Amino acid sequence: MAEEYKVLHKPVMRKFLIRLKPGKFAFLSYSIKNAKLYIESVYTHPDFRGRRIARRLVLAALDFAKEKSLRVVPVCSYAVSFFKKTRNL
């Protein structure tokens, strides 16, 4: 059974976070300029990779961008790869 991780949005920090265990987080960092949300970095602790956690963070950022009518610009390698693999989103 897949573990459920809650995505937290921290707008002041410009991050989406998932608490993996006490003191360990996965995160997506972004910036907003000229009606565009730039996904600057996505990180998951190595012990938690392969569980689609980074994907959940990107999907949360996409939902936020849609809600705010922002275009999304992938900057980091994970985000670029994500968009190449999922062009239909």
N, C-alpha and C. Protein backbone atom coordinates (compact mmCIF):
# COMPACT_ATOMS: atom_id res chain seq x y z
N MET A 1 0.85 -1.17 0.00
CA MET A 1 0.00 0.00 0.00
C MET A 1 0.90 1.25 0.00
N ALA A 2 0.55 2.20 -0.84
CA ALA A 2 1.33 3.44 -0.93
C ALA A 2 1.09 4.31 0.30
N GLU A 3 2.16 4.94 0.75
CA GLU A 3 2.03 5.85 1.89
C GLU A 3 1.40 7.15 1.43
N GLU A 4 0.62 7.75 2.30
CA GLU A 4 0.00 9.03 1.99
C GLU A 4 0.81 10.14 2.64
N TYR A 5 1.20 11.08 1.84
CA TYR A 5 1.95 12.23 2.33
C TYR A 5 1.16 13.49 2.05
N LYS A 6 1.02 14.32 3.07
CA LYS A 6 0.27 15.56 2.94
C LYS A 6 1.20 16.66 2.42
N VAL A 7 0.74 17.34 1.37
CA VAL A 7 1.50 18.46 0.82
C VAL A 7 1.11 19.73 1.56
N LEU A 8 2.10 20.43 2.07
CA LEU A 8 1.89 21.70 2.75
C LEU A 8 2.41 22.82 1.86
N HIS A 9 1.62 23.88 1.72
CA HIS A 9 2.08 25.04 0.96
C HIS A 9 2.52 26.12 1.93
N LYS A 10 3.73 26.60 1.76
CA LYS A 10 4.30 27.67 2.59
C LYS A 10 4.61 28.85 1.68
N PRO A 11 3.61 29.70 1.36
CA PRO A 11 3.81 30.79 0.41
C PRO A 11 4.92 31.77 0.80
N VAL A 12 5.07 32.06 2.08
CA VAL A 12 6.11 33.00 2.51
C VAL A 12 7.49 32.45 2.17
N MET A 13 7.64 31.13 2.28
CA MET A 13 8.91 30.47 1.95
C MET A 13 9.03 30.17 0.46
N ARG A 14 7.91 30.30 -0.27
CA ARG A 14 7.82 29.93 -1.68
C ARG A 14 8.19 28.44 -1.87
N LYS A 15 7.53 27.61 -1.05
CA LYS A 15 7.80 26.17 -1.09
C LYS A 15 6.51 25.36 -0.90
N PHE A 16 6.53 24.18 -1.47
CA PHE A 16 5.58 23.13 -1.14
C PHE A 16 6.41 22.08 -0.42
N LEU A 17 5.90 21.57 0.70
CA LEU A 17 6.65 20.63 1.53
C LEU A 17 5.84 19.37 1.80
N ILE A 18 6.55 18.27 1.97
CA ILE A 18 5.96 17.03 2.46
C ILE A 18 6.86 16.56 3.60
N ARG A 19 6.27 16.37 4.77
CA ARG A 19 7.03 15.87 5.92
C ARG A 19 7.17 14.35 5.76
N LEU A 20 8.40 13.90 5.68
CA LEU A 20 8.68 12.49 5.47
C LEU A 20 8.78 11.74 6.79
N LYS A 21 9.47 12.34 7.74
CA LYS A 21 9.58 11.86 9.11
C LYS A 21 10.10 13.05 9.91
N PRO A 22 10.10 12.99 11.21
CA PRO A 22 10.54 14.16 11.98
C PRO A 22 11.89 14.70 11.50
N GLY A 23 11.87 15.96 11.11
CA GLY A 23 13.08 16.62 10.66
C GLY A 23 13.46 16.38 9.21
N LYS A 24 12.72 15.56 8.49
CA LYS A 24 13.01 15.25 7.08
C LYS A 24 11.84 15.66 6.20
N PHE A 25 12.15 16.47 5.19
CA PHE A 25 11.12 16.96 4.28
C PHE A 25 11.54 16.77 2.83
N ALA A 26 10.56 16.62 1.98
CA ALA A 26 10.74 16.77 0.53
C ALA A 26 10.19 18.15 0.23
N PHE A 27 10.73 18.82 -0.79
CA PHE A 27 10.23 20.15 -1.08
C PHE A 27 10.34 20.51 -2.54
N LEU A 28 9.52 21.47 -2.92
CA LEU A 28 9.58 22.12 -4.22
C LEU A 28 9.69 23.61 -3.94
N SER A 29 10.69 24.25 -4.52
CA SER A 29 10.88 25.70 -4.37
C SER A 29 10.47 26.38 -5.66
N TYR A 30 9.83 27.53 -5.53
CA TYR A 30 9.38 28.24 -6.72
C TYR A 30 9.54 29.74 -6.55
N SER A 31 9.43 30.44 -7.67
CA SER A 31 9.33 31.90 -7.64
C SER A 31 8.23 32.28 -8.62
N ILE A 32 7.69 33.47 -8.43
CA ILE A 32 6.64 33.98 -9.32
C ILE A 32 7.09 35.32 -9.87
N LYS A 33 7.11 35.42 -11.20
CA LYS A 33 7.45 36.67 -11.87
C LYS A 33 6.64 36.77 -13.15
N ASN A 34 6.08 37.94 -13.39
CA ASN A 34 5.36 38.20 -14.64
C ASN A 34 4.32 37.12 -14.96
N ALA A 35 3.49 36.79 -13.98
CA ALA A 35 2.40 35.82 -14.14
C ALA A 35 2.90 34.42 -14.50
N LYS A 36 4.13 34.11 -14.09
CA LYS A 36 4.69 32.78 -14.32
C LYS A 36 5.22 32.22 -13.01
N LEU A 37 4.96 30.94 -12.80
CA LEU A 37 5.49 30.23 -11.64
C LEU A 37 6.69 29.40 -12.14
N TYR A 38 7.85 29.73 -11.64
CA TYR A 38 9.08 29.04 -12.01
C TYR A 38 9.38 27.96 -10.97
N ILE A 39 9.40 26.70 -11.41
CA ILE A 39 9.76 25.60 -10.50
C ILE A 39 11.28 25.52 -10.52
N GLU A 40 11.88 25.99 -9.41
CA GLU A 40 13.33 26.14 -9.36
C GLU A 40 14.06 24.92 -8.84
N SER A 41 13.46 24.19 -7.90
CA SER A 41 14.09 22.96 -7.42
C SER A 41 13.04 22.05 -6.80
N VAL A 42 13.31 20.76 -6.94
CA VAL A 42 12.48 19.72 -6.34
C VAL A 42 13.45 18.75 -5.68
N TYR A 43 13.24 18.47 -4.40
CA TYR A 43 14.15 17.59 -3.68
C TYR A 43 13.38 16.61 -2.82
N THR A 44 13.80 15.36 -2.88
CA THR A 44 13.31 14.31 -1.98
C THR A 44 14.53 13.63 -1.38
N HIS A 45 14.51 13.44 -0.07
CA HIS A 45 15.61 12.76 0.61
C HIS A 45 15.84 11.40 -0.06
N PRO A 46 17.11 11.01 -0.26
CA PRO A 46 17.39 9.74 -0.96
C PRO A 46 16.68 8.52 -0.38
N ASP A 47 16.47 8.48 0.92
CA ASP A 47 15.79 7.33 1.53
C ASP A 47 14.32 7.21 1.12
N PHE A 48 13.77 8.27 0.54
CA PHE A 48 12.34 8.29 0.20
C PHE A 48 12.09 8.39 -1.30
N ARG A 49 13.13 8.32 -2.10
CA ARG A 49 12.95 8.43 -3.55
C ARG A 49 12.29 7.19 -4.11
N GLY A 50 11.66 7.34 -5.28
CA GLY A 50 10.98 6.22 -5.92
C GLY A 50 9.56 5.99 -5.41
N ARG A 51 9.05 6.92 -4.63
CA ARG A 51 7.68 6.78 -4.07
C ARG A 51 6.72 7.82 -4.64
N ARG A 52 7.12 8.48 -5.71
CA ARG A 52 6.30 9.48 -6.41
C ARG A 52 6.02 10.72 -5.54
N ILE A 53 6.90 10.98 -4.60
CA ILE A 53 6.74 12.12 -3.71
C ILE A 53 7.00 13.42 -4.48
N ALA A 54 8.06 13.45 -5.28
CA ALA A 54 8.37 14.64 -6.07
C ALA A 54 7.22 14.95 -7.03
N ARG A 55 6.64 13.92 -7.60
CA ARG A 55 5.49 14.10 -8.51
C ARG A 55 4.34 14.79 -7.77
N ARG A 56 4.07 14.35 -6.55
CA ARG A 56 2.98 14.98 -5.77
C ARG A 56 3.25 16.46 -5.56
N LEU A 57 4.51 16.81 -5.30
CA LEU A 57 4.86 18.22 -5.11
C LEU A 57 4.61 19.02 -6.38
N VAL A 58 5.03 18.48 -7.52
CA VAL A 58 4.82 19.18 -8.79
C VAL A 58 3.32 19.32 -9.08
N LEU A 59 2.55 18.29 -8.84
CA LEU A 59 1.11 18.37 -9.08
C LEU A 59 0.46 19.43 -8.18
N ALA A 60 0.92 19.53 -6.94
CA ALA A 60 0.40 20.58 -6.05
C ALA A 60 0.75 21.96 -6.58
N ALA A 61 1.96 22.12 -7.10
CA ALA A 61 2.36 23.41 -7.68
C ALA A 61 1.52 23.72 -8.91
N LEU A 62 1.22 22.71 -9.71
CA LEU A 62 0.38 22.92 -10.90
C LEU A 62 -1.03 23.34 -10.50
N ASP A 63 -1.58 22.73 -9.48
CA ASP A 63 -2.91 23.12 -8.99
C ASP A 63 -2.90 24.57 -8.52
N PHE A 64 -1.88 24.95 -7.79
CA PHE A 64 -1.74 26.32 -7.31
C PHE A 64 -1.63 27.30 -8.48
N ALA A 65 -0.81 26.95 -9.46
CA ALA A 65 -0.63 27.81 -10.63
C ALA A 65 -1.95 27.99 -11.39
N LYS A 66 -2.69 26.90 -11.54
CA LYS A 66 -3.98 26.97 -12.23
C LYS A 66 -4.94 27.87 -11.46
N GLU A 67 -4.99 27.70 -10.15
CA GLU A 67 -5.87 28.50 -9.29
C GLU A 67 -5.54 30.00 -9.40
N LYS A 68 -4.27 30.32 -9.55
CA LYS A 68 -3.82 31.72 -9.63
C LYS A 68 -3.63 32.22 -11.06
N SER A 69 -4.00 31.40 -12.05
CA SER A 69 -3.85 31.74 -13.48
C SER A 69 -2.41 32.08 -13.84
N LEU A 70 -1.49 31.25 -13.38
CA LEU A 70 -0.07 31.42 -13.67
C LEU A 70 0.38 30.37 -14.68
N ARG A 71 1.25 30.77 -15.59
CA ARG A 71 1.90 29.80 -16.47
C ARG A 71 3.04 29.17 -15.70
N VAL A 72 3.31 27.90 -15.95
CA VAL A 72 4.37 27.19 -15.23
C VAL A 72 5.60 27.07 -16.12
N VAL A 73 6.75 27.40 -15.55
CA VAL A 73 8.03 27.29 -16.24
C VAL A 73 8.92 26.34 -15.45
N PRO A 74 9.20 25.15 -15.99
CA PRO A 74 10.10 24.24 -15.29
C PRO A 74 11.55 24.72 -15.45
N VAL A 75 12.28 24.81 -14.36
CA VAL A 75 13.67 25.25 -14.40
C VAL A 75 14.61 24.10 -14.01
N CYS A 76 14.31 23.43 -12.91
CA CYS A 76 15.20 22.35 -12.44
C CYS A 76 15.04 21.11 -13.32
N SER A 77 16.03 20.24 -13.26
CA SER A 77 16.04 19.06 -14.13
C SER A 77 14.84 18.14 -13.87
N TYR A 78 14.43 17.98 -12.60
CA TYR A 78 13.28 17.12 -12.33
C TYR A 78 12.02 17.67 -12.99
N ALA A 79 11.78 18.97 -12.85
CA ALA A 79 10.58 19.57 -13.42
C ALA A 79 10.60 19.48 -14.95
N VAL A 80 11.74 19.72 -15.56
CA VAL A 80 11.85 19.61 -17.02
C VAL A 80 11.51 18.19 -17.46
N SER A 81 12.08 17.20 -16.77
CA SER A 81 11.82 15.80 -17.08
C SER A 81 10.34 15.46 -16.88
N PHE A 82 9.76 15.95 -15.79
CA PHE A 82 8.35 15.71 -15.50
C PHE A 82 7.48 16.19 -16.66
N PHE A 83 7.74 17.39 -17.16
CA PHE A 83 6.92 17.95 -18.22
C PHE A 83 7.14 17.24 -19.55
N LYS A 84 8.33 16.75 -19.79
CA LYS A 84 8.58 15.98 -21.01
C LYS A 84 7.80 14.67 -20.99
N LYS A 85 7.69 14.06 -19.80
CA LYS A 85 7.00 12.77 -19.66
C LYS A 85 5.48 12.92 -19.62
N THR A 86 4.99 14.08 -19.17
CA THR A 86 3.54 14.26 -18.97
C THR A 86 3.04 15.48 -19.70
N ARG A 87 3.18 15.49 -20.99
CA ARG A 87 2.81 16.65 -21.80
C ARG A 87 1.31 16.96 -21.76
N ASN A 88 0.50 15.98 -21.40
CA ASN A 88 -0.96 16.18 -21.43
C ASN A 88 -1.52 16.88 -20.21
N LEU A 89 -0.69 17.28 -19.26
CA LEU A 89 -1.19 17.98 -18.06
C LEU A 89 -1.38 19.44 -18.33
